[in-house]
Amino acid sequence: MKVEELVEKMNLTVFCGENNLETEIKGGYVSDLLSDVMGFAREGNAWVTLQTHKNVIAIASLKELACVILVKGNTPDEDMLEQAKEEDIPVLGTSEQTFEVAGKIYQLLNE
């Protein structure tokens, strides 16, 4: 599934990274602990988090993640948005809780 399909099916807000919505999502990872994501997320994962600072983008870039999805109505800090635009990483958002988002992504990836 491509990022743009996930955006459409889950009605996600696109904060930035429109140029990379064609990126293929190979799986998902849910964590708010940056060291955990750095150690265990895999290339192509969609990362679900409530963290909104620019270090999230540093990890997403390092791990070559497909996108970052902010939950619970969180929006990216200005420095996160600026860094994401530079790295061209899609940052998406939803008002839904982490549990629901993770479940929906899992279901969509396994259809």
Protein backbone atom coordinates (compact mmCIF):
# COMPACT_ATOMS: atom_id res chain seq x y z
CA MET A 1 0.00 0.00 0.00
CA LYS A 2 1.24 3.48 -0.83
CA VAL A 3 1.19 6.38 1.60
CA GLU A 4 -1.41 8.19 -0.51
CA GLU A 5 -3.76 5.19 -0.26
CA LEU A 6 -3.39 5.20 3.52
CA VAL A 7 -4.13 8.94 3.60
CA GLU A 8 -7.29 8.39 1.56
CA LYS A 9 -8.57 5.31 3.40
CA MET A 10 -7.94 6.74 6.87
CA ASN A 11 -8.81 10.36 6.04
CA LEU A 12 -5.43 11.57 7.31
CA THR A 13 -4.23 15.17 7.21
CA VAL A 14 -1.08 15.71 5.14
CA PHE A 15 1.12 18.30 6.86
CA CYS A 16 3.99 17.92 4.37
CA GLY A 17 5.82 15.45 2.14
CA GLU A 18 3.32 15.49 -0.71
CA ASN A 19 6.12 14.57 -3.14
CA ASN A 20 6.62 11.20 -1.46
CA LEU A 21 3.03 9.99 -1.11
CA GLU A 22 3.85 7.33 -3.71
CA THR A 23 6.19 5.64 -1.23
CA GLU A 24 5.29 2.02 -0.52
CA ILE A 25 4.43 1.16 3.10
CA LYS A 26 5.98 -2.18 4.02
CA GLY A 27 4.76 -2.33 7.61
CA GLY A 28 4.15 -0.22 10.66
CA TYR A 29 5.84 0.71 13.91
CA VAL A 30 4.28 2.26 16.98
CA SER A 31 6.44 3.93 19.62
CA ASP A 32 7.04 7.26 21.27
CA LEU A 33 10.53 6.32 22.40
CA LEU A 34 13.03 7.48 19.76
CA SER A 35 15.72 4.99 20.74
CA ASP A 36 13.20 2.16 20.35
CA VAL A 37 12.29 3.30 16.84
CA MET A 38 15.95 3.76 15.95
CA GLY A 39 16.69 0.23 17.11
CA PHE A 40 13.71 -1.68 15.77
CA ALA A 41 11.73 0.12 13.05
CA ARG A 42 12.38 -1.10 9.54
CA GLU A 43 12.74 0.63 6.21
CA GLY A 44 9.36 1.42 4.71
CA ASN A 45 7.46 1.37 8.01
CA ALA A 46 4.74 3.90 8.76
CA TRP A 47 5.65 5.29 12.20
CA VAL A 48 2.76 6.10 14.54
CA THR A 49 3.69 8.49 17.35
CA LEU A 50 2.57 11.47 19.40
CA GLN A 51 6.04 13.05 19.33
CA THR A 52 6.06 16.34 17.39
CA HIS A 53 9.67 17.57 17.47
CA LYS A 54 12.34 17.55 14.75
CA ASN A 55 14.25 14.58 16.19
CA VAL A 56 11.39 12.42 14.94
CA ILE A 57 12.33 13.38 11.40
CA ALA A 58 16.00 12.63 12.01
CA ILE A 59 15.05 9.08 13.01
CA ALA A 60 12.52 8.71 10.17
CA SER A 61 15.19 9.76 7.68
CA LEU A 62 17.88 7.54 9.19
CA LYS A 63 15.58 4.49 9.12
CA GLU A 64 14.11 5.39 5.70
CA LEU A 65 10.56 5.23 7.01
CA ALA A 66 7.63 5.70 4.63
CA CYS A 67 5.87 8.32 6.75
CA VAL A 68 5.22 9.63 10.24
CA ILE A 69 1.66 9.65 11.56
CA LEU A 70 0.87 11.97 14.46
CA VAL A 71 -2.06 10.84 16.62
CA LYS A 72 -4.49 12.39 19.10
CA GLY A 73 -4.80 15.64 17.15
CA ASN A 74 -1.13 16.51 17.59
CA THR A 75 0.41 18.77 14.97
CA PRO A 76 4.08 19.05 14.04
CA ASP A 77 6.20 21.69 15.76
CA GLU A 78 7.54 24.31 13.35
CA ASP A 79 11.06 22.85 13.48
CA MET A 80 9.70 19.35 12.81
CA LEU A 81 7.76 20.61 9.81
CA GLU A 82 10.78 22.46 8.45
CA GLN A 83 13.01 19.38 8.83
CA ALA A 84 10.37 17.10 7.26
CA LYS A 85 10.08 19.42 4.27
CA GLU A 86 13.86 19.39 3.83
CA GLU A 87 13.94 15.57 4.04
CA ASP A 88 10.70 15.27 2.01
CA ILE A 89 9.19 12.88 4.56
CA PRO A 90 5.40 12.71 4.67
CA VAL A 91 4.07 13.83 8.05
CA LEU A 92 0.43 12.92 8.48
CA GLY A 93 -2.06 13.48 11.25
CA THR A 94 -5.26 12.21 12.80
CA SER A 95 -7.37 12.92 15.85
CA GLU A 96 -7.71 9.21 16.55
CA GLN A 97 -5.99 7.38 19.40
CA THR A 98 -2.82 5.36 18.81
CA PHE A 99 -4.55 2.01 19.38
CA GLU A 100 -7.20 2.65 16.74
CA VAL A 101 -4.68 3.97 14.22
CA ALA A 102 -2.39 0.97 14.65
CA GLY A 103 -5.29 -1.43 14.28
CA LYS A 104 -6.54 0.21 11.11
CA ILE A 105 -3.08 0.27 9.54
CA TYR A 106 -2.56 -3.39 10.39
CA GLN A 107 -5.91 -4.29 8.87
CA LEU A 108 -5.31 -2.28 5.70
CA LEU A 109 -1.84 -3.73 5.17
CA ASN A 110 -3.19 -7.25 5.52
CA GLU A 111 -6.15 -6.96 3.15
